[in-house]
Protein backbone atom coordinates (compact mmCIF):
# COMPACT_ATOMS: atom_id res chain seq x y z
CA UNK A 1 18.97 -123.20 50.18
CA UNK A 2 21.13 -126.37 50.31
CA UNK A 3 21.63 -129.42 48.25
CA UNK A 4 20.15 -132.28 50.18
CA UNK A 5 21.43 -136.12 49.17
CA UNK A 6 19.00 -136.11 46.36
CA UNK A 7 20.54 -133.80 44.51
CA UNK A 8 17.30 -131.38 44.66
CA UNK A 9 17.41 -127.94 46.80
CA UNK A 10 15.78 -128.16 50.33
CA UNK A 11 14.14 -124.71 50.38
CA UNK A 12 12.33 -125.27 54.35
CA UNK A 13 14.37 -127.27 56.81
CA UNK A 14 14.35 -127.49 60.82
CA UNK A 15 15.27 -130.02 63.08
CA UNK A 16 14.26 -130.94 66.36
CA UNK A 17 12.16 -128.38 66.94
CA UNK A 18 9.43 -127.97 69.80
CA UNK A 19 7.45 -125.31 71.35
CA UNK A 20 5.59 -125.45 74.40
CA UNK A 21 3.44 -123.40 76.39
CA UNK A 22 2.12 -122.70 79.85
CA UNK A 23 -1.54 -123.18 80.72
CA UNK A 24 -3.51 -120.53 81.56
CA UNK A 25 -5.44 -122.23 83.37
CA UNK A 26 -3.15 -124.35 85.74
CA UNK A 27 0.22 -123.25 85.00
CA UNK A 28 0.61 -126.62 83.65
CA UNK A 29 2.92 -127.02 80.52
CA UNK A 30 1.27 -127.81 77.21
CA UNK A 31 3.89 -129.65 74.35
CA UNK A 32 2.34 -128.08 70.96
CA UNK A 33 5.09 -129.11 69.06
CA UNK A 34 7.81 -132.06 69.70
CA UNK A 35 10.99 -133.12 68.17
CA UNK A 36 10.06 -132.20 64.24
CA UNK A 37 12.48 -132.51 61.78
CA UNK A 38 11.25 -131.40 58.44
CA UNK A 39 12.99 -130.74 54.86
CA UNK A 40 10.79 -129.50 51.98
CA UNK A 41 12.71 -129.38 48.41
CA UNK A 42 12.36 -127.60 45.45
CA UNK A 43 8.81 -128.18 43.74
CA UNK A 44 7.43 -130.59 46.66
CA UNK A 45 3.80 -129.78 48.21
CA UNK A 46 3.40 -130.08 52.16
CA UNK A 47 0.06 -131.33 53.50
CA UNK A 48 -0.23 -130.72 57.23
CA UNK A 49 -3.41 -132.94 58.56
CA UNK A 50 -4.41 -133.11 62.21
CA UNK A 51 -6.83 -133.06 64.50
CA UNK A 52 -8.00 -129.59 66.04
CA UNK A 53 -5.13 -128.75 68.83
CA UNK A 54 -2.55 -131.25 67.57
CA UNK A 55 0.08 -128.03 67.01
CA UNK A 56 -0.21 -127.32 62.94
CA UNK A 57 -0.44 -123.65 62.96
CA UNK A 58 2.27 -123.99 66.18
CA UNK A 59 4.35 -126.48 63.59
CA UNK A 60 4.11 -123.26 60.45
CA UNK A 61 4.63 -120.19 62.82
CA UNK A 62 7.36 -122.30 64.02
CA UNK A 63 9.08 -122.72 60.42
CA UNK A 64 7.85 -119.03 59.60
CA UNK A 65 10.41 -117.80 62.61
CA UNK A 66 6.42 -116.26 64.15
CA UNK A 67 7.55 -118.31 67.09
CA UNK A 68 10.88 -118.92 68.99
CA UNK A 69 11.32 -122.02 68.79
CA UNK A 70 13.05 -124.82 71.38
CA UNK A 71 15.10 -127.60 71.56
CA UNK A 72 14.18 -130.92 72.95
CA UNK A 73 13.50 -131.38 75.91
CA UNK A 74 10.22 -129.67 76.89
CA UNK A 75 9.60 -129.85 80.68
CA UNK A 76 7.21 -132.26 81.43
CA UNK A 77 6.91 -134.24 78.53
CA UNK A 78 8.04 -138.35 78.26
CA UNK A 79 8.84 -138.34 82.40
CA UNK A 80 11.35 -135.81 82.04
CA UNK A 81 11.98 -132.77 84.09
C-alpha cells in the first residue's frame, strides 16, 4: 500500500495499462484496454460500467494480474505502428 496525495492509502493502482489480442478469424489486432490509469483507495467503492465487449472483464483481469498487461502503444491503435 502507498500513501496518496490526499492522505488515503492506495490499495490498488495501475498506470498506462493496456491489452490487445489477435482476432482468431482474420488475425487483426483487437484493443481491449488502452492506456488506463486507476487508483483505488482504502474504503472506496469502484464500479466499472460499459457495453458488452468494452473491456470491463479484461481490465479486472489485468488489475488482478490474471493477464499480463502491455504498455501502449498497441499495434494498430490511433494510426501508430
